Amino acid sequence: MSLQLGEIAPDFTLDSTEGKIHFHEYAGDHWVVFFSHPKDFTPVCTTELGAFARRKNEFETRNTRLLGLSVDSVEDHKRWSRDVEDVGGTAINYPLLADPDLEVAKLYGMFHPKADPKVTVRSVFIIDPNKKVRLTLTYPPSAGRNIDEILRVLDSLQLTEGRKLTTPVDWKPGDDAIIAPSVSDEDAKTLHPGGWKTLKSYLRLVPAPKN
């Protein structure tokens, strides 16, 4: 099974390093970055989880909670957290789910047996406060993720939410946004009284809202 954009992220209950997690309850009215890593005590995962821990406050300022998952036990997660802190300077400071039976991994499509029959791949889901899946990324076990890119897409999703805007290639906060093609020039005058720059009839750039 693989989740598609716009679907409700399935609810579940699993043990974690911070006790039992009921996912929808944990999410509440926050955005959630939910990610899987293949296995504890492995090199790439150690660097990744430390990076998420170091930058947790950047997600919190975006009303976003972090949630990790792997096939290992809570006891292993807690022992491994010491290594994560030694390597990255910050211990794991968000819940890390234990999914030894691959229950949630299979529910979310994090388990790709042709890639590796024993562990999860590196999946990332951005889930909005309505519990809808807004982004999916899948990396192979051999490639570490880019935290900047996850934050960049999160910023784009939050900026464009309900605004009839999109963001162009390599967009980052502060750059111009694009007026959605579904918005006529007449309606755009009301939405953007300061005007816009037309590159093509279907490509109109406008300063991104400040908040």
N, C-alpha and C. Protein backbone atom coordinates (compact mmCIF):
# COMPACT_ATOMS: atom_id res chain seq x y z
N MET A 1 0.84 -1.19 0.00
CA MET A 1 0.00 0.00 0.00
C MET A 1 0.88 1.24 0.00
N SER A 2 0.50 2.25 -0.78
CA SER A 2 1.20 3.53 -0.73
C SER A 2 0.16 4.63 -0.61
N LEU A 3 0.45 5.60 0.21
CA LEU A 3 -0.47 6.71 0.42
C LEU A 3 -0.30 7.73 -0.70
N GLN A 4 -1.41 8.32 -1.11
CA GLN A 4 -1.38 9.35 -2.13
C GLN A 4 -1.66 10.71 -1.52
N LEU A 5 -1.22 11.74 -2.21
CA LEU A 5 -1.42 13.10 -1.73
C LEU A 5 -2.92 13.39 -1.59
N GLY A 6 -3.27 14.02 -0.49
CA GLY A 6 -4.67 14.36 -0.24
C GLY A 6 -5.41 13.34 0.58
N GLU A 7 -4.85 12.13 0.72
CA GLU A 7 -5.48 11.11 1.55
C GLU A 7 -5.28 11.43 3.03
N ILE A 8 -6.21 10.95 3.87
CA ILE A 8 -6.05 11.08 5.30
C ILE A 8 -4.98 10.10 5.76
N ALA A 9 -4.01 10.60 6.51
CA ALA A 9 -2.96 9.73 7.04
C ALA A 9 -3.58 8.78 8.06
N PRO A 10 -3.41 7.47 7.89
CA PRO A 10 -4.05 6.52 8.79
C PRO A 10 -3.64 6.71 10.25
N ASP A 11 -4.60 6.55 11.14
CA ASP A 11 -4.31 6.61 12.56
C ASP A 11 -3.69 5.28 13.00
N PHE A 12 -2.96 5.30 14.08
CA PHE A 12 -2.37 4.07 14.62
C PHE A 12 -1.93 4.34 16.06
N THR A 13 -1.61 3.28 16.75
CA THR A 13 -1.07 3.36 18.11
C THR A 13 0.15 2.47 18.19
N LEU A 14 1.28 3.05 18.62
CA LEU A 14 2.53 2.30 18.77
C LEU A 14 3.30 2.79 19.99
N ASP A 15 4.13 1.93 20.54
CA ASP A 15 5.04 2.36 21.59
C ASP A 15 6.16 3.20 20.99
N SER A 16 6.68 4.12 21.80
CA SER A 16 7.76 4.99 21.35
C SER A 16 8.68 5.31 22.52
N THR A 17 9.72 6.04 22.22
CA THR A 17 10.66 6.48 23.26
C THR A 17 10.01 7.46 24.23
N GLU A 18 8.85 7.99 23.90
CA GLU A 18 8.13 8.90 24.79
C GLU A 18 6.79 8.32 25.21
N GLY A 19 6.70 6.99 25.25
CA GLY A 19 5.47 6.32 25.65
C GLY A 19 4.60 5.98 24.46
N LYS A 20 3.41 5.52 24.75
CA LYS A 20 2.49 5.10 23.69
C LYS A 20 2.02 6.32 22.90
N ILE A 21 2.08 6.23 21.59
CA ILE A 21 1.67 7.32 20.71
C ILE A 21 0.40 6.93 19.97
N HIS A 22 -0.65 7.73 20.13
CA HIS A 22 -1.85 7.63 19.30
C HIS A 22 -1.68 8.72 18.25
N PHE A 23 -1.45 8.35 17.03
CA PHE A 23 -0.94 9.31 16.04
C PHE A 23 -1.82 10.54 15.87
N HIS A 24 -3.10 10.38 15.61
CA HIS A 24 -3.95 11.55 15.38
C HIS A 24 -4.01 12.45 16.61
N GLU A 25 -3.96 11.84 17.77
CA GLU A 25 -3.93 12.63 19.00
C GLU A 25 -2.61 13.38 19.13
N TYR A 26 -1.52 12.71 18.81
CA TYR A 26 -0.20 13.35 18.86
C TYR A 26 -0.13 14.52 17.87
N ALA A 27 -0.68 14.32 16.68
CA ALA A 27 -0.65 15.38 15.67
C ALA A 27 -1.45 16.59 16.10
N GLY A 28 -2.63 16.36 16.67
CA GLY A 28 -3.47 17.48 17.10
C GLY A 28 -3.73 18.45 15.97
N ASP A 29 -3.50 19.74 16.23
CA ASP A 29 -3.70 20.75 15.19
C ASP A 29 -2.37 21.21 14.60
N HIS A 30 -1.36 20.34 14.65
CA HIS A 30 -0.04 20.65 14.11
C HIS A 30 0.15 20.01 12.74
N TRP A 31 1.14 20.51 12.01
CA TRP A 31 1.71 19.77 10.89
C TRP A 31 2.63 18.71 11.49
N VAL A 32 2.85 17.64 10.76
CA VAL A 32 3.74 16.57 11.23
C VAL A 32 4.69 16.17 10.10
N VAL A 33 5.96 16.07 10.43
CA VAL A 33 6.93 15.41 9.54
C VAL A 33 7.17 14.03 10.13
N PHE A 34 6.66 13.01 9.44
CA PHE A 34 6.72 11.62 9.88
C PHE A 34 7.69 10.89 8.97
N PHE A 35 8.73 10.31 9.55
CA PHE A 35 9.77 9.70 8.71
C PHE A 35 10.22 8.36 9.30
N SER A 36 10.60 7.47 8.40
CA SER A 36 11.14 6.18 8.80
C SER A 36 12.63 6.13 8.51
N HIS A 37 13.34 5.35 9.33
CA HIS A 37 14.75 5.09 9.04
C HIS A 37 14.96 3.59 9.11
N PRO A 38 15.90 3.07 8.35
CA PRO A 38 16.02 1.61 8.22
C PRO A 38 16.31 0.86 9.52
N LYS A 39 17.28 1.33 10.31
CA LYS A 39 17.67 0.52 11.47
C LYS A 39 18.53 1.34 12.43
N ASP A 40 18.38 1.03 13.72
CA ASP A 40 19.23 1.65 14.73
C ASP A 40 20.68 1.18 14.58
N PHE A 41 21.59 1.98 15.14
CA PHE A 41 23.01 1.65 15.15
C PHE A 41 23.55 1.46 13.74
N THR A 42 23.08 2.30 12.82
CA THR A 42 23.62 2.32 11.45
C THR A 42 24.10 3.73 11.14
N PRO A 43 25.10 3.88 10.27
CA PRO A 43 25.77 5.18 10.14
C PRO A 43 24.93 6.31 9.59
N VAL A 44 24.25 6.07 8.46
CA VAL A 44 23.47 7.16 7.86
C VAL A 44 22.35 7.61 8.79
N CYS A 45 21.66 6.65 9.38
CA CYS A 45 20.56 6.98 10.28
C CYS A 45 21.04 7.79 11.48
N THR A 46 22.21 7.47 11.98
CA THR A 46 22.76 8.20 13.13
C THR A 46 22.93 9.67 12.78
N THR A 47 23.43 9.95 11.57
CA THR A 47 23.61 11.36 11.18
C THR A 47 22.27 12.04 10.96
N GLU A 48 21.32 11.32 10.39
CA GLU A 48 20.01 11.93 10.10
C GLU A 48 19.25 12.29 11.37
N LEU A 49 19.15 11.34 12.30
CA LEU A 49 18.35 11.60 13.48
C LEU A 49 18.96 12.69 14.34
N GLY A 50 20.29 12.78 14.33
CA GLY A 50 20.94 13.89 15.02
C GLY A 50 20.62 15.22 14.38
N ALA A 51 20.55 15.26 13.05
CA ALA A 51 20.22 16.51 12.36
C ALA A 51 18.80 16.95 12.65
N PHE A 52 17.85 16.00 12.63
CA PHE A 52 16.48 16.35 12.99
C PHE A 52 16.43 16.88 14.42
N ALA A 53 17.17 16.26 15.33
CA ALA A 53 17.16 16.70 16.73
C ALA A 53 17.73 18.11 16.88
N ARG A 54 18.85 18.38 16.20
CA ARG A 54 19.46 19.71 16.29
C ARG A 54 18.54 20.79 15.76
N ARG A 55 17.72 20.46 14.78
CA ARG A 55 16.92 21.48 14.11
C ARG A 55 15.43 21.42 14.49
N LYS A 56 15.16 20.71 15.57
CA LYS A 56 13.77 20.56 16.01
C LYS A 56 13.07 21.90 16.17
N ASN A 57 13.79 22.90 16.70
CA ASN A 57 13.15 24.20 16.93
C ASN A 57 12.71 24.85 15.63
N GLU A 58 13.40 24.57 14.51
CA GLU A 58 12.99 25.14 13.23
C GLU A 58 11.65 24.57 12.78
N PHE A 59 11.40 23.32 13.11
CA PHE A 59 10.10 22.73 12.82
C PHE A 59 9.04 23.27 13.78
N GLU A 60 9.41 23.44 15.04
CA GLU A 60 8.44 23.93 16.02
C GLU A 60 7.96 25.34 15.68
N THR A 61 8.86 26.20 15.17
CA THR A 61 8.43 27.55 14.80
C THR A 61 7.45 27.52 13.62
N ARG A 62 7.38 26.40 12.92
CA ARG A 62 6.44 26.21 11.81
C ARG A 62 5.23 25.38 12.24
N ASN A 63 4.99 25.31 13.56
CA ASN A 63 3.85 24.55 14.10
C ASN A 63 3.90 23.10 13.63
N THR A 64 5.09 22.52 13.66
CA THR A 64 5.29 21.17 13.11
C THR A 64 5.96 20.27 14.13
N ARG A 65 5.44 19.06 14.24
CA ARG A 65 6.01 18.06 15.13
C ARG A 65 6.75 17.00 14.32
N LEU A 66 7.80 16.48 14.91
CA LEU A 66 8.59 15.41 14.30
C LEU A 66 8.16 14.07 14.89
N LEU A 67 8.21 13.03 14.06
CA LEU A 67 7.90 11.68 14.51
C LEU A 67 8.68 10.70 13.66
N GLY A 68 9.53 9.89 14.32
CA GLY A 68 10.34 8.91 13.60
C GLY A 68 9.87 7.49 13.86
N LEU A 69 10.33 6.57 13.02
CA LEU A 69 9.93 5.17 13.13
C LEU A 69 11.04 4.27 12.60
N SER A 70 11.23 3.12 13.27
CA SER A 70 12.05 2.05 12.68
C SER A 70 11.58 0.72 13.22
N VAL A 71 12.20 -0.35 12.73
CA VAL A 71 11.78 -1.70 13.10
C VAL A 71 12.34 -2.13 14.45
N ASP A 72 13.18 -1.31 15.08
CA ASP A 72 13.83 -1.71 16.32
C ASP A 72 12.96 -1.42 17.55
N SER A 73 13.39 -1.95 18.69
CA SER A 73 12.63 -1.81 19.92
C SER A 73 12.86 -0.45 20.58
N VAL A 74 11.98 -0.09 21.50
CA VAL A 74 12.15 1.14 22.26
C VAL A 74 13.45 1.11 23.04
N GLU A 75 13.80 -0.04 23.61
CA GLU A 75 15.05 -0.17 24.37
C GLU A 75 16.26 0.12 23.48
N ASP A 76 16.24 -0.43 22.26
CA ASP A 76 17.34 -0.15 21.32
C ASP A 76 17.37 1.33 20.95
N HIS A 77 16.21 1.92 20.73
CA HIS A 77 16.15 3.35 20.39
C HIS A 77 16.83 4.18 21.49
N LYS A 78 16.51 3.86 22.73
CA LYS A 78 17.05 4.66 23.84
C LYS A 78 18.55 4.47 23.97
N ARG A 79 19.04 3.25 23.78
CA ARG A 79 20.49 3.02 23.84
C ARG A 79 21.19 3.74 22.69
N TRP A 80 20.57 3.69 21.52
CA TRP A 80 21.17 4.30 20.32
C TRP A 80 21.20 5.82 20.42
N SER A 81 20.24 6.38 21.16
CA SER A 81 20.18 7.84 21.29
C SER A 81 21.48 8.41 21.83
N ARG A 82 22.20 7.63 22.64
CA ARG A 82 23.48 8.10 23.17
C ARG A 82 24.50 8.25 22.04
N ASP A 83 24.47 7.33 21.08
CA ASP A 83 25.36 7.45 19.92
C ASP A 83 24.99 8.66 19.06
N VAL A 84 23.67 8.85 18.88
CA VAL A 84 23.20 10.00 18.10
C VAL A 84 23.71 11.29 18.72
N GLU A 85 23.64 11.37 20.04
CA GLU A 85 24.12 12.57 20.73
C GLU A 85 25.63 12.73 20.60
N ASP A 86 26.37 11.62 20.74
CA ASP A 86 27.82 11.69 20.60
C ASP A 86 28.24 12.20 19.22
N VAL A 87 27.55 11.72 18.19
CA VAL A 87 27.93 12.06 16.81
C VAL A 87 27.42 13.45 16.42
N GLY A 88 26.15 13.72 16.73
CA GLY A 88 25.53 14.95 16.24
C GLY A 88 25.42 16.08 17.23
N GLY A 89 25.72 15.80 18.51
CA GLY A 89 25.69 16.85 19.51
C GLY A 89 24.35 17.03 20.20
N THR A 90 23.31 16.34 19.73
CA THR A 90 21.98 16.47 20.32
C THR A 90 21.33 15.10 20.37
N ALA A 91 20.82 14.74 21.54
CA ALA A 91 20.12 13.47 21.66
C ALA A 91 18.77 13.54 20.96
N ILE A 92 18.18 12.39 20.65
CA ILE A 92 16.86 12.36 20.03
C ILE A 92 15.85 13.01 20.98
N ASN A 93 15.17 14.04 20.51
CA ASN A 93 14.28 14.83 21.36
C ASN A 93 12.85 14.89 20.81
N TYR A 94 12.49 13.85 20.08
CA TYR A 94 11.14 13.69 19.53
C TYR A 94 10.83 12.20 19.61
N PRO A 95 9.57 11.81 19.55
CA PRO A 95 9.26 10.39 19.69
C PRO A 95 9.81 9.56 18.54
N LEU A 96 10.37 8.41 18.88
CA LEU A 96 10.84 7.45 17.89
C LEU A 96 10.04 6.17 18.11
N LEU A 97 9.21 5.84 17.13
CA LEU A 97 8.30 4.70 17.24
C LEU A 97 9.03 3.38 17.04
N ALA A 98 8.57 2.36 17.75
CA ALA A 98 9.07 1.00 17.58
C ALA A 98 8.03 0.20 16.79
N ASP A 99 8.44 -0.32 15.62
CA ASP A 99 7.51 -1.02 14.74
C ASP A 99 8.10 -2.36 14.30
N PRO A 100 8.41 -3.24 15.27
CA PRO A 100 9.10 -4.50 14.93
C PRO A 100 8.30 -5.42 14.02
N ASP A 101 6.98 -5.31 14.06
CA ASP A 101 6.14 -6.17 13.21
C ASP A 101 5.80 -5.51 11.87
N LEU A 102 6.39 -4.34 11.61
CA LEU A 102 6.17 -3.61 10.35
C LEU A 102 4.70 -3.23 10.14
N GLU A 103 3.97 -3.14 11.21
CA GLU A 103 2.54 -2.82 11.12
C GLU A 103 2.30 -1.46 10.47
N VAL A 104 2.94 -0.43 11.01
CA VAL A 104 2.75 0.92 10.47
C VAL A 104 3.57 1.11 9.20
N ALA A 105 4.74 0.48 9.15
CA ALA A 105 5.57 0.59 7.94
C ALA A 105 4.82 0.12 6.71
N LYS A 106 4.09 -0.98 6.83
CA LYS A 106 3.32 -1.49 5.70
C LYS A 106 2.08 -0.63 5.45
N LEU A 107 1.47 -0.13 6.53
CA LEU A 107 0.29 0.73 6.39
C LEU A 107 0.62 1.98 5.60
N TYR A 108 1.82 2.52 5.79
CA TYR A 108 2.24 3.76 5.15
C TYR A 108 3.10 3.54 3.90
N GLY A 109 3.35 2.27 3.55
CA GLY A 109 4.18 2.01 2.38
C GLY A 109 5.64 2.31 2.59
N MET A 110 6.12 2.19 3.84
CA MET A 110 7.52 2.44 4.17
C MET A 110 8.38 1.19 3.97
N PHE A 111 7.74 0.06 3.73
CA PHE A 111 8.44 -1.21 3.60
C PHE A 111 8.46 -1.62 2.14
N HIS A 112 9.66 -1.67 1.56
CA HIS A 112 9.85 -2.04 0.16
C HIS A 112 10.73 -3.29 0.12
N PRO A 113 10.14 -4.48 0.17
CA PRO A 113 10.93 -5.70 0.31
C PRO A 113 11.91 -5.96 -0.83
N LYS A 114 11.66 -5.40 -2.01
CA LYS A 114 12.61 -5.60 -3.10
C LYS A 114 13.86 -4.74 -2.92
N ALA A 115 13.73 -3.67 -2.12
CA ALA A 115 14.90 -2.86 -1.78
C ALA A 115 15.68 -3.51 -0.64
N ASP A 116 14.93 -3.94 0.39
CA ASP A 116 15.53 -4.65 1.52
C ASP A 116 14.40 -5.38 2.24
N PRO A 117 14.46 -6.68 2.37
CA PRO A 117 13.36 -7.43 2.95
C PRO A 117 13.27 -7.37 4.47
N LYS A 118 14.23 -6.68 5.12
CA LYS A 118 14.27 -6.69 6.58
C LYS A 118 14.02 -5.33 7.22
N VAL A 119 14.21 -4.26 6.48
CA VAL A 119 14.14 -2.92 7.09
C VAL A 119 13.25 -2.00 6.25
N THR A 120 12.93 -0.87 6.82
CA THR A 120 12.16 0.14 6.10
C THR A 120 13.08 0.99 5.24
N VAL A 121 12.51 1.60 4.20
CA VAL A 121 13.24 2.59 3.42
C VAL A 121 13.16 3.93 4.15
N ARG A 122 13.82 4.95 3.59
CA ARG A 122 13.78 6.28 4.21
C ARG A 122 12.61 7.06 3.63
N SER A 123 11.46 6.91 4.24
CA SER A 123 10.27 7.63 3.79
C SER A 123 10.08 8.91 4.60
N VAL A 124 9.50 9.91 3.95
CA VAL A 124 9.13 11.15 4.62
C VAL A 124 7.71 11.50 4.21
N PHE A 125 6.89 11.83 5.19
CA PHE A 125 5.54 12.33 4.93
C PHE A 125 5.38 13.66 5.63
N ILE A 126 4.87 14.64 4.91
CA ILE A 126 4.41 15.87 5.55
C ILE A 126 2.90 15.79 5.60
N ILE A 127 2.36 15.93 6.80
CA ILE A 127 0.93 15.76 7.05
C ILE A 127 0.40 17.05 7.66
N ASP A 128 -0.69 17.57 7.12
CA ASP A 128 -1.19 18.87 7.56
C ASP A 128 -2.11 18.73 8.78
N PRO A 129 -2.55 19.86 9.36
CA PRO A 129 -3.39 19.78 10.57
C PRO A 129 -4.73 19.09 10.36
N ASN A 130 -5.15 18.93 9.10
CA ASN A 130 -6.37 18.17 8.81
C ASN A 130 -6.08 16.69 8.62
N LYS A 131 -4.86 16.28 8.92
CA LYS A 131 -4.39 14.89 8.82
C LYS A 131 -4.25 14.42 7.38
N LYS A 132 -4.20 15.35 6.43
CA LYS A 132 -4.03 14.98 5.03
C LYS A 132 -2.55 14.91 4.66
N VAL A 133 -2.21 13.91 3.86
CA VAL A 133 -0.85 13.77 3.35
C VAL A 133 -0.60 14.84 2.29
N ARG A 134 0.44 15.65 2.50
CA ARG A 134 0.72 16.75 1.57
C ARG A 134 2.02 16.55 0.80
N LEU A 135 2.90 15.68 1.29
CA LEU A 135 4.14 15.39 0.58
C LEU A 135 4.58 13.98 0.94
N THR A 136 5.10 13.27 -0.05
CA THR A 136 5.75 11.98 0.20
C THR A 136 7.11 11.98 -0.50
N LEU A 137 8.12 11.50 0.21
CA LEU A 137 9.46 11.33 -0.35
C LEU A 137 9.95 9.94 0.04
N THR A 138 10.63 9.27 -0.87
CA THR A 138 11.19 7.96 -0.56
C THR A 138 12.64 7.92 -1.02
N TYR A 139 13.52 7.70 -0.06
CA TYR A 139 14.95 7.58 -0.34
C TYR A 139 15.37 6.13 -0.14
N PRO A 140 16.39 5.67 -0.84
CA PRO A 140 16.92 4.33 -0.59
C PRO A 140 17.67 4.31 0.74
N PRO A 141 17.87 3.14 1.32
CA PRO A 141 18.60 3.06 2.59
C PRO A 141 20.00 3.68 2.52
N SER A 142 20.59 3.74 1.34
CA SER A 142 21.98 4.21 1.23
C SER A 142 22.13 5.73 1.20
N ALA A 143 21.04 6.47 1.00
CA ALA A 143 21.14 7.93 0.81
C ALA A 143 20.48 8.68 1.96
N GLY A 144 21.25 9.53 2.61
CA GLY A 144 20.70 10.36 3.67
C GLY A 144 19.83 11.48 3.12
N ARG A 145 18.91 11.93 3.95
CA ARG A 145 17.97 12.98 3.53
C ARG A 145 18.56 14.37 3.67
N ASN A 146 17.88 15.35 3.08
CA ASN A 146 18.28 16.75 3.15
C ASN A 146 17.25 17.50 3.99
N ILE A 147 17.62 17.90 5.19
CA ILE A 147 16.68 18.57 6.09
C ILE A 147 16.25 19.92 5.52
N ASP A 148 17.17 20.61 4.86
CA ASP A 148 16.82 21.91 4.25
C ASP A 148 15.69 21.76 3.25
N GLU A 149 15.73 20.69 2.46
CA GLU A 149 14.68 20.49 1.46
C GLU A 149 13.33 20.20 2.13
N ILE A 150 13.34 19.43 3.19
CA ILE A 150 12.08 19.15 3.90
C ILE A 150 11.50 20.44 4.46
N LEU A 151 12.34 21.29 5.03
CA LEU A 151 11.87 22.58 5.55
C LEU A 151 11.39 23.49 4.41
N ARG A 152 12.10 23.44 3.28
CA ARG A 152 11.71 24.29 2.15
C ARG A 152 10.32 23.93 1.64
N VAL A 153 10.05 22.64 1.49
CA VAL A 153 8.73 22.23 1.02
C VAL A 153 7.66 22.54 2.05
N LEU A 154 7.99 22.35 3.32
CA LEU A 154 7.05 22.70 4.39
C LEU A 154 6.70 24.19 4.31
N ASP A 155 7.70 25.04 4.10
CA ASP A 155 7.44 26.47 3.96
C ASP A 155 6.55 26.76 2.76
N SER A 156 6.80 26.08 1.65
CA SER A 156 5.99 26.27 0.46
C SER A 156 4.54 25.87 0.71
N LEU A 157 4.35 24.72 1.33
CA LEU A 157 2.99 24.25 1.62
C LEU A 157 2.25 25.22 2.53
N GLN A 158 2.93 25.71 3.54
CA GLN A 158 2.27 26.62 4.48
C GLN A 158 2.01 27.99 3.85
N LEU A 159 2.92 28.44 3.00
CA LEU A 159 2.73 29.73 2.32
C LEU A 159 1.53 29.69 1.38
N THR A 160 1.41 28.62 0.61
CA THR A 160 0.40 28.57 -0.44
C THR A 160 -0.96 28.09 0.05
N GLU A 161 -1.02 27.58 1.27
CA GLU A 161 -2.26 27.03 1.81
C GLU A 161 -3.40 28.05 1.73
N GLY A 162 -4.43 27.75 0.95
CA GLY A 162 -5.61 28.60 0.85
C GLY A 162 -5.40 29.92 0.14
N ARG A 163 -4.26 30.10 -0.54
CA ARG A 163 -3.95 31.40 -1.13
C ARG A 163 -3.97 31.41 -2.66
N LYS A 164 -4.22 30.31 -3.32
CA LYS A 164 -4.23 30.24 -4.79
C LYS A 164 -2.88 30.67 -5.36
N LEU A 165 -1.83 30.22 -4.68
CA LEU A 165 -0.46 30.47 -5.10
C LEU A 165 0.27 29.15 -5.25
N THR A 166 1.33 29.15 -6.05
CA THR A 166 2.25 28.04 -6.13
C THR A 166 3.66 28.62 -6.01
N THR A 167 4.68 27.76 -5.92
CA THR A 167 6.04 28.27 -5.83
C THR A 167 6.89 27.67 -6.95
N PRO A 168 7.80 28.45 -7.53
CA PRO A 168 8.59 27.99 -8.69
C PRO A 168 9.78 27.12 -8.27
N VAL A 169 10.50 26.67 -9.27
CA VAL A 169 11.68 25.85 -9.06
C VAL A 169 12.65 26.55 -8.09
N ASP A 170 13.22 25.78 -7.19
CA ASP A 170 14.23 26.26 -6.25
C ASP A 170 13.73 27.39 -5.34
N TRP A 171 12.41 27.54 -5.24
CA TRP A 171 11.86 28.59 -4.39
C TRP A 171 12.35 28.43 -2.95
N LYS A 172 12.56 29.58 -2.32
CA LYS A 172 12.85 29.60 -0.89
C LYS A 172 12.16 30.81 -0.29
N PRO A 173 11.93 30.83 1.04
CA PRO A 173 11.22 31.95 1.66
C PRO A 173 11.84 33.29 1.29
N GLY A 174 10.97 34.22 0.91
CA GLY A 174 11.41 35.54 0.46
C GLY A 174 11.36 35.70 -1.04
N ASP A 175 11.39 34.59 -1.78
CA ASP A 175 11.29 34.65 -3.23
C ASP A 175 9.85 34.89 -3.66
N ASP A 176 9.69 35.34 -4.92
CA ASP A 176 8.35 35.52 -5.47
C ASP A 176 7.62 34.18 -5.60
N ALA A 177 6.31 34.26 -5.49
CA ALA A 177 5.45 33.10 -5.73
C ALA A 177 4.78 33.25 -7.10
N ILE A 178 4.03 32.23 -7.49
CA ILE A 178 3.31 32.24 -8.77
C ILE A 178 1.82 32.27 -8.51
N ILE A 179 1.12 33.13 -9.20
CA ILE A 179 -0.34 33.15 -9.13
C ILE A 179 -0.86 31.91 -9.86
N ALA A 180 -1.72 31.14 -9.21
CA ALA A 180 -2.22 29.91 -9.80
C ALA A 180 -2.92 30.19 -11.14
N PRO A 181 -2.71 29.34 -12.15
CA PRO A 181 -3.33 29.55 -13.46
C PRO A 181 -4.85 29.61 -13.40
N SER A 182 -5.45 29.02 -12.38
CA SER A 182 -6.92 29.03 -12.26
C SER A 182 -7.47 30.41 -11.90
N VAL A 183 -6.59 31.34 -11.50
CA VAL A 183 -7.01 32.69 -11.12
C VAL A 183 -6.93 33.60 -12.34
N SER A 184 -8.06 34.20 -12.71
CA SER A 184 -8.07 35.13 -13.85
C SER A 184 -7.35 36.42 -13.49
N ASP A 185 -6.94 37.17 -14.51
CA ASP A 185 -6.31 38.47 -14.25
C ASP A 185 -7.25 39.38 -13.47
N GLU A 186 -8.55 39.31 -13.76
CA GLU A 186 -9.52 40.16 -13.07
C GLU A 186 -9.55 39.83 -11.58
N ASP A 187 -9.58 38.53 -11.26
CA ASP A 187 -9.57 38.13 -9.85
C ASP A 187 -8.23 38.43 -9.20
N ALA A 188 -7.16 38.31 -9.98
CA ALA A 188 -5.82 38.57 -9.45
C ALA A 188 -5.68 40.02 -9.01
N LYS A 189 -6.39 40.93 -9.66
CA LYS A 189 -6.32 42.34 -9.27
C LYS A 189 -6.85 42.54 -7.85
N THR A 190 -7.86 41.76 -7.50
CA THR A 190 -8.41 41.85 -6.15
C THR A 190 -7.48 41.18 -5.14
N LEU A 191 -6.94 40.02 -5.52
CA LEU A 191 -6.08 39.29 -4.60
C LEU A 191 -4.71 39.94 -4.44
N HIS A 192 -4.24 40.59 -5.50
CA HIS A 192 -2.89 41.17 -5.49
C HIS A 192 -2.94 42.60 -6.04
N PRO A 193 -3.49 43.53 -5.25
CA PRO A 193 -3.66 44.91 -5.73
C PRO A 193 -2.34 45.61 -6.05
N GLY A 194 -1.25 45.08 -5.52
CA GLY A 194 0.06 45.68 -5.82
C GLY A 194 0.60 45.29 -7.17
N GLY A 195 -0.11 44.41 -7.86
CA GLY A 195 0.30 44.01 -9.20
C GLY A 195 1.23 42.80 -9.20
N TRP A 196 1.63 42.39 -10.38
CA TRP A 196 2.46 41.21 -10.56
C TRP A 196 3.29 41.36 -11.83
N LYS A 197 4.23 40.46 -12.01
CA LYS A 197 5.06 40.46 -13.20
C LYS A 197 4.65 39.30 -14.08
N THR A 198 4.29 39.58 -15.33
CA THR A 198 3.85 38.53 -16.25
C THR A 198 5.01 38.09 -17.13
N LEU A 199 5.40 36.82 -17.01
CA LEU A 199 6.42 36.25 -17.89
C LEU A 199 5.78 35.57 -19.09
N LYS A 200 4.67 34.89 -18.85
CA LYS A 200 3.81 34.30 -19.87
C LYS A 200 2.38 34.47 -19.37
N SER A 201 1.42 34.31 -20.25
CA SER A 201 0.03 34.49 -19.82
C SER A 201 -0.34 33.59 -18.65
N TYR A 202 0.34 32.46 -18.56
CA TYR A 202 0.06 31.49 -17.50
C TYR A 202 1.11 31.52 -16.38
N LEU A 203 2.09 32.43 -16.47
CA LEU A 203 3.16 32.49 -15.50
C LEU A 203 3.29 33.92 -14.99
N ARG A 204 2.68 34.16 -13.83
CA ARG A 204 2.64 35.51 -13.24
C ARG A 204 3.27 35.46 -11.86
N LEU A 205 4.33 36.23 -11.68
CA LEU A 205 5.06 36.27 -10.43
C LEU A 205 4.56 37.40 -9.55
N VAL A 206 4.46 37.12 -8.25
CA VAL A 206 3.97 38.11 -7.30
C VAL A 206 4.77 37.96 -6.01
N PRO A 207 5.06 39.07 -5.33
CA PRO A 207 5.76 38.92 -4.04
C PRO A 207 5.00 38.02 -3.09
N ALA A 208 5.71 37.14 -2.44
CA ALA A 208 5.06 36.21 -1.50
C ALA A 208 4.54 36.95 -0.29
N PRO A 209 3.38 36.58 0.22
CA PRO A 209 2.86 37.20 1.45
C PRO A 209 3.87 37.06 2.58
N LYS A 210 3.87 38.04 3.48
CA LYS A 210 4.81 38.03 4.59
C LYS A 210 4.36 37.11 5.71
N ASN A 211 3.06 36.85 5.80
CA ASN A 211 2.57 35.96 6.86
C ASN A 211 1.33 35.23 6.39
